[in-house]
Amino acid sequence: MDRIKAFWTSDSTTILLPVFDDVEFKPFRETYRIITFNMVVGMLYPTPETAVCRLVGIVVVLISITPAQLIGLLDVWHSWQRGDIINIVRHITVLGPFLAVIFKMMLFYYTRNEAWCVIKKIDADHARYNMIPESHKEIARRHIQNTQYYSEKCWAITVAVTVLTFPFTAVVLNFYNFAFKEEPVKYMIHDLEKPFSPPEDRFSSPYFEIMFGYMAYCSLWYIISFTGFDAFFGITINHACMKLELACKIMEDAMLEKDRDSRQRRMKEVISEHIDFYSMVELIQETFNLWLGLIVIATMCQICNCMYQIIEGYGIDPKYIIFILGTIAHIYLPCRYAAKLQVSALDCATRLYCCGWEHVNDERAVKMVAFMIARAQVPLKITAFNMFYFDMELFVSILQTSYSLFTLLRS
């Protein structure tokens, strides 16, 4: 044992747990290194000691990317004046998520206390899981490995591929034109007119080179923000589901206890874990409530814009095909995670009923199980704007609405 560390429990009290450097289940920062790195660099990691530094960092990032937004909005205004709807849609498709980068930083700063409580709960649970039986560790190990693969690595690759398609395509086209054509054509990462200048001036040096590097810098913030913030939602939901499955496993073990006091003690542990589960879900709801509502609206518009750009724009563009697939994945994952939480909560009632209580001659234990089953049968859902539920039905509805908006835009 190297040191002792304090962790928070479900009732906001503090407990001391031994921390080993060679343990299997490590804190959030060490378990999810990719997400932690993106959250730290993206001014999202809600450490209380760094609140002031993150606020300054958010202001600096906002100032650094404001010129791109202003140039884009100016181009949108000029396109509106000449009735170029396709160009307007093209700019909004890229500028919309760009504004979301800043919004996420501000939103996470606003909900930093709730987000920090979630991380501390994860740290406390991981420290405790190092001291549970092997059969319980296997459950935790399976959930964490699943989260690391899908919510961390796969999502990071999805975001990187979606965003880097734009600069990669520009680099390849520029290389091909300058290497194999006598009169090469220059390509920007995202084509924007030079403010207050003729359209062809945007390709003149050194403006073209400066804007190319500047847009590559802006693309980096896409990856950092969308990887760190959105993956954190999946990690928290998966962890809550893991807590619930472990609670059911503890209940099954409690029913095998011959000693009444030991059984009662383990059942109280299940109750405490169940309460902590609902406390964590409430923190997740408070942290992501506003974001979930906004991405529903933003995703519908984004899918509609991408479809319009592909079908009504300047021909089939692979960049926007990949972009629309990334956008669909962006709304599919939170709907999928919210549905997973709902199913896990309902399945908990079934597992509690099948835990073996009928073989126990203990009236108090049977009553405790009955109350826990009744509580688990209450539907648990993640909501957006505290108005509508996040589930797979919402995902289907978003796709249908997006197509309806696309049809309206075409007409």
Protein backbone atom coordinates (compact mmCIF):
# COMPACT_ATOMS: atom_id res chain seq x y z
CA MET A 1 0.00 0.00 0.00
CA ASP A 2 1.40 3.36 -1.02
CA ARG A 3 -1.10 5.86 0.34
CA ILE A 4 -4.56 6.50 1.77
CA LYS A 5 -7.10 8.50 -0.22
CA ALA A 6 -10.49 9.95 0.68
CA PHE A 7 -13.58 9.12 -1.40
CA TRP A 8 -17.21 10.22 -1.27
CA THR A 9 -20.01 7.81 -0.52
CA SER A 10 -23.66 7.96 -1.58
CA ASP A 11 -24.65 9.93 1.54
CA SER A 12 -21.93 12.56 0.94
CA THR A 13 -19.80 11.31 3.82
CA THR A 14 -16.08 10.72 3.41
CA ILE A 15 -14.37 7.35 3.68
CA LEU A 16 -10.71 6.43 3.56
CA LEU A 17 -9.66 3.64 1.24
CA PRO A 18 -6.19 2.27 0.59
CA VAL A 19 -4.80 3.09 -2.84
CA PHE A 20 -2.32 0.73 -4.47
CA ASP A 21 -0.20 1.56 -7.47
CA ASP A 22 -0.49 -1.98 -8.84
CA VAL A 23 -4.25 -2.42 -8.46
CA GLU A 24 -6.45 -3.60 -11.34
CA PHE A 25 -9.17 -0.95 -11.11
CA LYS A 26 -7.63 2.51 -11.24
CA PRO A 27 -9.16 6.03 -10.99
CA PHE A 28 -10.98 7.65 -13.89
CA ARG A 29 -7.90 9.50 -15.13
CA GLU A 30 -5.89 6.29 -15.46
CA THR A 31 -8.71 4.04 -16.65
CA TYR A 32 -9.85 6.29 -19.51
CA ARG A 33 -6.65 8.01 -20.58
CA ILE A 34 -7.79 9.04 -24.07
CA ILE A 35 -10.94 10.75 -22.79
CA THR A 36 -9.12 12.33 -19.86
CA PHE A 37 -6.49 13.79 -22.20
CA ASN A 38 -9.12 15.30 -24.48
CA MET A 39 -11.09 16.65 -21.53
CA VAL A 40 -8.01 18.25 -19.99
CA VAL A 41 -6.80 19.81 -23.26
CA GLY A 42 -10.36 20.82 -24.18
CA MET A 43 -10.92 22.71 -20.89
CA LEU A 44 -13.53 20.14 -19.87
CA TYR A 45 -12.01 18.18 -16.99
CA PRO A 46 -13.88 19.58 -13.97
CA THR A 47 -11.14 19.62 -11.33
CA PRO A 48 -12.11 22.29 -8.76
CA GLU A 49 -8.49 23.48 -8.42
CA THR A 50 -8.28 24.31 -12.12
CA ALA A 51 -11.60 26.17 -12.43
CA VAL A 52 -9.98 29.59 -12.89
CA CYS A 53 -7.40 28.28 -15.36
CA ARG A 54 -10.11 26.57 -17.40
CA LEU A 55 -12.18 29.75 -17.48
CA VAL A 56 -9.19 31.68 -18.81
CA GLY A 57 -8.50 28.88 -21.29
CA ILE A 58 -12.08 28.96 -22.55
CA VAL A 59 -11.79 32.70 -23.17
CA VAL A 60 -8.50 32.21 -25.03
CA VAL A 61 -9.95 29.46 -27.23
CA LEU A 62 -13.04 31.58 -27.90
CA ILE A 63 -10.87 34.49 -29.02
CA SER A 64 -8.67 32.25 -31.17
CA ILE A 65 -11.52 30.71 -33.16
CA THR A 66 -13.72 33.81 -33.39
CA PRO A 67 -12.12 34.98 -36.68
CA ALA A 68 -13.16 31.74 -38.41
CA GLN A 69 -16.72 32.19 -37.20
CA LEU A 70 -16.86 35.82 -38.31
CA ILE A 71 -15.44 35.04 -41.76
CA GLY A 72 -17.92 32.19 -42.14
CA LEU A 73 -20.88 34.31 -41.05
CA LEU A 74 -19.82 37.08 -43.43
CA ASP A 75 -19.71 34.57 -46.28
CA VAL A 76 -23.17 33.31 -45.25
CA TRP A 77 -24.48 36.87 -45.41
CA HIS A 78 -23.03 37.44 -48.89
CA SER A 79 -24.47 34.10 -50.05
CA TRP A 80 -27.88 35.14 -48.71
CA GLN A 81 -27.70 38.39 -50.65
CA ARG A 82 -27.05 36.60 -53.93
CA GLY A 83 -29.53 33.79 -53.14
CA ASP A 84 -26.92 31.01 -52.95
CA ILE A 85 -28.78 28.59 -50.65
CA ILE A 86 -26.39 25.70 -51.32
CA ASN A 87 -23.41 27.73 -50.09
CA ILE A 88 -25.34 28.79 -47.00
CA VAL A 89 -26.15 25.18 -46.18
CA ARG A 90 -22.51 24.21 -46.74
CA HIS A 91 -21.28 26.81 -44.27
CA ILE A 92 -23.93 26.06 -41.64
CA THR A 93 -23.07 22.35 -41.82
CA VAL A 94 -19.53 23.13 -40.66
CA LEU A 95 -20.07 26.25 -38.54
CA GLY A 96 -22.87 24.71 -36.47
CA PRO A 97 -20.73 22.02 -34.80
CA PHE A 98 -17.96 24.60 -34.48
CA LEU A 99 -20.21 26.72 -32.27
CA ALA A 100 -21.00 23.57 -30.27
CA VAL A 101 -17.32 23.33 -29.31
CA ILE A 102 -17.52 26.58 -27.35
CA PHE A 103 -20.96 25.76 -25.99
CA LYS A 104 -19.70 22.47 -24.54
CA MET A 105 -16.86 24.22 -22.75
CA MET A 106 -19.24 26.74 -21.23
CA LEU A 107 -21.87 24.14 -20.36
CA PHE A 108 -19.37 21.83 -18.67
CA TYR A 109 -17.95 24.75 -16.73
CA TYR A 110 -21.47 25.59 -15.56
CA THR A 111 -22.14 21.98 -14.47
CA ARG A 112 -18.60 21.36 -13.22
CA ASN A 113 -19.70 20.51 -9.68
CA GLU A 114 -22.08 17.77 -10.84
CA ALA A 115 -19.53 16.40 -13.31
CA TRP A 116 -16.83 16.35 -10.63
CA CYS A 117 -19.14 14.45 -8.26
CA VAL A 118 -19.67 11.83 -10.99
CA ILE A 119 -15.92 11.41 -11.48
CA LYS A 120 -15.33 11.10 -7.73
CA LYS A 121 -18.04 8.43 -7.51
CA ILE A 122 -16.31 6.51 -10.30
CA ASP A 123 -12.97 6.83 -8.48
CA ALA A 124 -14.49 5.62 -5.21
CA ASP A 125 -16.19 2.66 -6.89
CA HIS A 126 -13.03 1.61 -8.71
CA ALA A 127 -11.04 1.74 -5.47
CA ARG A 128 -13.68 -0.40 -3.77
CA TYR A 129 -13.83 -2.91 -6.62
CA ASN A 130 -10.24 -3.91 -5.90
CA MET A 131 -11.44 -5.49 -2.66
CA ILE A 132 -14.53 -7.36 -3.87
CA PRO A 133 -14.71 -11.12 -4.68
CA GLU A 134 -13.37 -12.36 -8.00
CA SER A 135 -16.85 -13.16 -9.34
CA HIS A 136 -17.78 -9.52 -8.76
CA LYS A 137 -14.52 -8.28 -10.27
CA GLU A 138 -15.35 -10.16 -13.44
CA ILE A 139 -18.53 -8.09 -13.84
CA ALA A 140 -16.64 -4.83 -13.28
CA ARG A 141 -13.85 -5.96 -15.59
CA ARG A 142 -16.31 -6.77 -18.39
CA HIS A 143 -18.11 -3.42 -18.14
CA ILE A 144 -14.92 -1.37 -18.00
CA GLN A 145 -13.37 -3.18 -20.97
CA ASN A 146 -16.58 -2.65 -22.93
CA THR A 147 -16.53 1.05 -22.07
CA GLN A 148 -12.88 1.44 -22.99
CA TYR A 149 -13.45 -0.18 -26.37
CA TYR A 150 -16.75 1.37 -27.49
CA SER A 151 -17.15 4.62 -25.55
CA GLU A 152 -13.49 5.58 -25.66
CA LYS A 153 -11.51 4.06 -28.53
CA CYS A 154 -14.25 3.51 -31.13
CA TRP A 155 -15.80 6.91 -30.51
CA ALA A 156 -12.43 8.66 -30.67
CA ILE A 157 -11.74 6.97 -34.03
CA THR A 158 -15.21 7.91 -35.30
CA VAL A 159 -14.73 11.58 -34.44
CA ALA A 160 -11.20 11.67 -35.83
CA VAL A 161 -12.21 10.08 -39.15
CA THR A 162 -15.25 12.34 -39.52
CA VAL A 163 -13.29 15.54 -38.89
CA LEU A 164 -9.95 14.68 -40.50
CA THR A 165 -11.69 13.78 -43.77
CA PHE A 166 -11.84 17.51 -44.56
CA PRO A 167 -8.15 18.42 -44.09
CA PHE A 168 -6.97 15.06 -45.46
CA THR A 169 -9.00 15.52 -48.65
CA ALA A 170 -7.64 19.05 -49.09
CA VAL A 171 -4.04 17.88 -48.59
CA VAL A 172 -4.43 15.02 -51.10
CA LEU A 173 -6.06 17.24 -53.74
CA ASN A 174 -3.42 19.95 -53.34
CA PHE A 175 -0.60 17.42 -53.60
CA TYR A 176 -2.13 15.83 -56.70
CA ASN A 177 -2.70 19.18 -58.43
CA PHE A 178 0.78 20.56 -57.75
CA ALA A 179 2.47 17.25 -58.60
CA PHE A 180 0.64 16.25 -61.76
CA LYS A 181 -1.01 19.35 -63.26
CA GLU A 182 0.56 22.23 -65.10
CA GLU A 183 -2.04 24.69 -63.77
CA PRO A 184 -2.74 23.45 -60.24
CA VAL A 185 -5.94 24.34 -58.40
CA LYS A 186 -5.74 25.05 -54.69
CA TYR A 187 -8.19 23.53 -52.21
CA MET A 188 -9.02 24.81 -48.73
CA ILE A 189 -10.09 22.63 -45.83
CA HIS A 190 -13.36 24.56 -45.87
CA ASP A 191 -13.67 27.05 -48.68
CA LEU A 192 -14.32 30.56 -47.35
CA GLU A 193 -14.07 33.80 -49.31
CA LYS A 194 -11.51 36.35 -48.24
CA PRO A 195 -13.41 39.20 -46.52
CA PHE A 196 -13.91 42.34 -48.58
CA SER A 197 -11.88 40.98 -51.51
CA PRO A 198 -12.58 39.37 -54.88
CA PRO A 199 -13.34 35.62 -54.63
CA GLU A 200 -10.08 34.55 -56.34
CA ASP A 201 -7.97 36.38 -53.72
CA ARG A 202 -8.56 33.61 -51.18
CA PHE A 203 -6.07 31.44 -53.09
CA SER A 204 -3.28 34.03 -53.12
CA SER A 205 -0.19 33.60 -50.94
CA PRO A 206 0.33 33.93 -48.02
CA TYR A 207 -3.40 34.19 -47.23
CA PHE A 208 -4.11 30.68 -48.52
CA GLU A 209 -1.32 29.08 -46.46
CA ILE A 210 -2.30 30.99 -43.31
CA MET A 211 -5.98 30.06 -43.63
CA PHE A 212 -5.11 26.43 -44.35
CA GLY A 213 -3.08 26.17 -41.14
CA TYR A 214 -5.71 28.12 -39.19
CA MET A 215 -8.50 25.80 -40.33
CA ALA A 216 -6.36 22.79 -39.40
CA TYR A 217 -6.07 24.31 -35.92
CA CYS A 218 -9.86 24.73 -35.77
CA SER A 219 -10.33 21.13 -36.91
CA LEU A 220 -8.24 20.02 -33.93
CA TRP A 221 -10.77 21.59 -31.57
CA TYR A 222 -13.54 19.63 -33.24
CA ILE A 223 -11.76 16.39 -32.35
CA ILE A 224 -10.84 17.41 -28.81
CA SER A 225 -14.30 18.64 -27.86
CA PHE A 226 -16.45 15.97 -29.48
CA THR A 227 -14.20 13.17 -28.23
CA GLY A 228 -13.95 14.28 -24.62
CA PHE A 229 -17.44 15.60 -23.88
CA ASP A 230 -19.61 13.10 -25.71
CA ALA A 231 -17.63 10.04 -24.64
CA PHE A 232 -17.93 11.11 -21.01
CA PHE A 233 -21.70 10.65 -21.23
CA GLY A 234 -21.28 7.06 -22.41
CA ILE A 235 -18.72 6.31 -19.68
CA THR A 236 -21.02 7.55 -16.92
CA ILE A 237 -24.03 5.60 -18.22
CA ASN A 238 -22.02 2.39 -18.53
CA HIS A 239 -20.68 2.84 -15.03
CA ALA A 240 -24.19 3.29 -13.65
CA CYS A 241 -25.27 0.07 -15.38
CA MET A 242 -22.27 -1.71 -13.87
CA LYS A 243 -23.23 -0.53 -10.38
CA LEU A 244 -26.71 -1.94 -10.87
CA GLU A 245 -25.49 -5.34 -12.07
CA LEU A 246 -23.08 -5.59 -9.15
CA ALA A 247 -25.89 -4.75 -6.73
CA CYS A 248 -27.95 -7.62 -8.14
CA LYS A 249 -24.97 -9.93 -7.80
CA ILE A 250 -24.53 -8.95 -4.16
CA MET A 251 -28.22 -9.70 -3.54
CA GLU A 252 -27.82 -13.16 -5.05
CA ASP A 253 -24.85 -13.79 -2.76
CA ALA A 254 -26.81 -12.48 0.24
CA MET A 255 -29.52 -15.08 -0.30
CA LEU A 256 -26.86 -17.79 0.01
CA GLU A 257 -25.81 -16.62 3.47
CA LYS A 258 -26.83 -18.96 6.27
CA ASP A 259 -26.29 -16.45 9.04
CA ARG A 260 -29.15 -13.96 9.36
CA ASP A 261 -26.95 -11.05 10.46
CA SER A 262 -24.56 -11.60 7.54
CA ARG A 263 -27.51 -11.72 5.17
CA GLN A 264 -28.97 -8.51 6.56
CA ARG A 265 -25.60 -6.78 6.30
CA ARG A 266 -25.20 -7.72 2.64
CA MET A 267 -28.75 -6.69 1.83
CA LYS A 268 -28.10 -3.30 3.38
CA GLU A 269 -25.07 -3.07 1.12
CA VAL A 270 -27.37 -3.70 -1.86
CA ILE A 271 -29.74 -0.97 -0.69
CA SER A 272 -26.83 1.45 -0.28
CA GLU A 273 -25.57 0.59 -3.77
CA HIS A 274 -29.07 1.02 -5.22
CA ILE A 275 -29.40 4.44 -3.60
CA ASP A 276 -25.96 5.41 -4.90
CA PHE A 277 -27.02 4.30 -8.38
CA TYR A 278 -30.03 6.64 -8.39
CA SER A 279 -27.88 9.42 -6.97
CA MET A 280 -25.42 9.01 -9.82
CA VAL A 281 -28.16 8.95 -12.46
CA GLU A 282 -29.52 12.19 -11.01
CA LEU A 283 -26.07 13.79 -11.31
CA ILE A 284 -25.78 12.56 -14.91
CA GLN A 285 -29.20 14.03 -15.67
CA GLU A 286 -28.24 17.41 -14.21
CA THR A 287 -24.91 17.42 -16.05
CA PHE A 288 -26.22 16.56 -19.54
CA ASN A 289 -29.85 17.70 -19.49
CA LEU A 290 -29.36 20.88 -21.50
CA TRP A 291 -26.83 19.31 -23.88
CA LEU A 292 -29.10 16.38 -24.70
CA GLY A 293 -31.93 18.70 -25.63
CA LEU A 294 -29.80 20.87 -27.85
CA ILE A 295 -28.17 18.00 -29.75
CA VAL A 296 -31.61 16.71 -30.70
CA ILE A 297 -32.38 19.97 -32.47
CA ALA A 298 -28.86 20.39 -33.83
CA THR A 299 -28.66 16.83 -35.15
CA MET A 300 -31.93 17.09 -37.05
CA CYS A 301 -30.73 20.27 -38.74
CA GLN A 302 -27.29 18.78 -39.38
CA ILE A 303 -28.59 15.61 -41.03
CA CYS A 304 -30.97 17.70 -43.12
CA ASN A 305 -28.13 20.03 -44.20
CA CYS A 306 -25.82 17.15 -45.11
CA MET A 307 -28.52 15.43 -47.18
CA TYR A 308 -29.27 18.67 -48.98
CA GLN A 309 -25.56 19.26 -49.61
CA ILE A 310 -25.11 15.76 -51.05
CA ILE A 311 -28.22 15.69 -53.24
CA GLU A 312 -28.73 19.32 -54.18
CA GLY A 313 -25.16 20.58 -53.91
CA TYR A 314 -22.21 20.31 -56.25
CA GLY A 315 -22.39 16.56 -56.73
CA ILE A 316 -21.66 13.59 -54.47
CA ASP A 317 -18.98 14.67 -52.01
CA PRO A 318 -17.42 11.86 -49.90
CA LYS A 319 -16.62 14.34 -47.13
CA TYR A 320 -20.28 15.07 -46.49
CA ILE A 321 -21.27 11.41 -46.76
CA ILE A 322 -18.80 10.60 -43.97
CA PHE A 323 -19.96 13.69 -42.09
CA ILE A 324 -23.60 12.61 -42.17
CA LEU A 325 -22.63 9.13 -40.93
CA GLY A 326 -20.69 10.73 -38.08
CA THR A 327 -23.68 12.93 -37.26
CA ILE A 328 -26.00 9.92 -37.12
CA ALA A 329 -23.52 8.15 -34.82
CA HIS A 330 -23.40 11.27 -32.67
CA ILE A 331 -27.12 11.07 -31.86
CA TYR A 332 -27.33 7.27 -31.95
CA LEU A 333 -24.87 6.77 -29.09
CA PRO A 334 -26.65 8.88 -26.42
CA CYS A 335 -29.99 7.34 -27.43
CA ARG A 336 -28.43 3.88 -27.25
CA TYR A 337 -26.85 4.54 -23.84
CA ALA A 338 -30.06 6.02 -22.42
CA ALA A 339 -32.00 2.98 -23.65
CA LYS A 340 -29.37 0.70 -22.11
CA LEU A 341 -29.79 2.42 -18.74
CA GLN A 342 -33.57 2.06 -18.96
CA VAL A 343 -33.35 -1.66 -19.77
CA SER A 344 -30.79 -2.26 -17.00
CA ALA A 345 -33.00 -0.54 -14.44
CA LEU A 346 -36.04 -2.63 -15.43
CA ASP A 347 -33.98 -5.81 -15.57
CA CYS A 348 -32.88 -5.15 -12.01
CA ALA A 349 -36.43 -5.88 -10.76
CA THR A 350 -36.40 -9.24 -12.55
CA ARG A 351 -33.00 -10.19 -11.17
CA LEU A 352 -34.03 -9.24 -7.64
CA TYR A 353 -37.12 -11.41 -7.97
CA CYS A 354 -34.95 -14.32 -9.15
CA CYS A 355 -32.26 -13.87 -6.49
CA GLY A 356 -33.49 -16.87 -4.45
CA TRP A 357 -35.49 -15.14 -1.72
CA GLU A 358 -38.07 -17.97 -1.70
CA HIS A 359 -35.48 -20.30 -0.19
CA VAL A 360 -34.79 -18.01 2.76
CA ASN A 361 -36.76 -18.35 5.97
CA ASP A 362 -36.43 -14.69 6.92
CA GLU A 363 -39.54 -12.51 6.87
CA ARG A 364 -37.60 -9.26 7.16
CA ALA A 365 -35.35 -10.19 4.24
CA VAL A 366 -38.37 -11.07 2.08
CA LYS A 367 -40.00 -7.71 2.85
CA MET A 368 -36.78 -5.87 2.00
CA VAL A 369 -36.62 -7.67 -1.34
CA ALA A 370 -40.25 -6.78 -2.05
CA PHE A 371 -39.63 -3.09 -1.42
CA MET A 372 -36.52 -3.14 -3.62
CA ILE A 373 -38.40 -4.84 -6.46
CA ALA A 374 -41.16 -2.23 -6.21
CA ARG A 375 -38.59 0.57 -6.40
CA ALA A 376 -36.80 -1.02 -9.35
CA GLN A 377 -40.06 -1.34 -11.29
CA VAL A 378 -40.43 2.46 -11.46
CA PRO A 379 -39.32 3.42 -15.01
CA LEU A 380 -35.99 5.21 -15.11
CA LYS A 381 -35.33 7.40 -18.14
CA ILE A 382 -32.87 10.09 -19.19
CA THR A 383 -34.67 13.22 -20.34
CA ALA A 384 -33.70 16.22 -22.43
CA PHE A 385 -34.85 19.67 -21.33
CA ASN A 386 -36.79 17.70 -18.66
CA MET A 387 -39.40 17.25 -21.36
CA PHE A 388 -38.85 14.23 -23.61
CA TYR A 389 -37.19 10.87 -23.10
CA PHE A 390 -33.96 9.73 -24.70
CA ASP A 391 -34.33 6.22 -26.13
CA MET A 392 -34.19 4.39 -29.46
CA GLU A 393 -37.67 5.61 -30.38
CA LEU A 394 -36.33 9.15 -30.21
CA PHE A 395 -33.48 8.16 -32.54
CA VAL A 396 -35.92 6.88 -35.15
CA SER A 397 -38.05 9.99 -34.72
CA ILE A 398 -35.01 12.23 -35.28
CA LEU A 399 -34.19 10.51 -38.56
CA GLN A 400 -37.78 10.80 -39.74
CA THR A 401 -37.99 14.47 -38.79
CA SER A 402 -34.66 15.18 -40.48
CA TYR A 403 -35.94 13.70 -43.71
CA SER A 404 -39.13 15.77 -43.42
CA LEU A 405 -37.04 18.93 -42.97
CA PHE A 406 -34.94 17.96 -45.97
CA THR A 407 -38.08 17.51 -48.09
CA LEU A 408 -39.32 20.90 -46.93
CA LEU A 409 -35.99 22.52 -47.76
CA ARG A 410 -35.98 21.03 -51.27
CA SER A 411 -39.46 22.37 -51.94
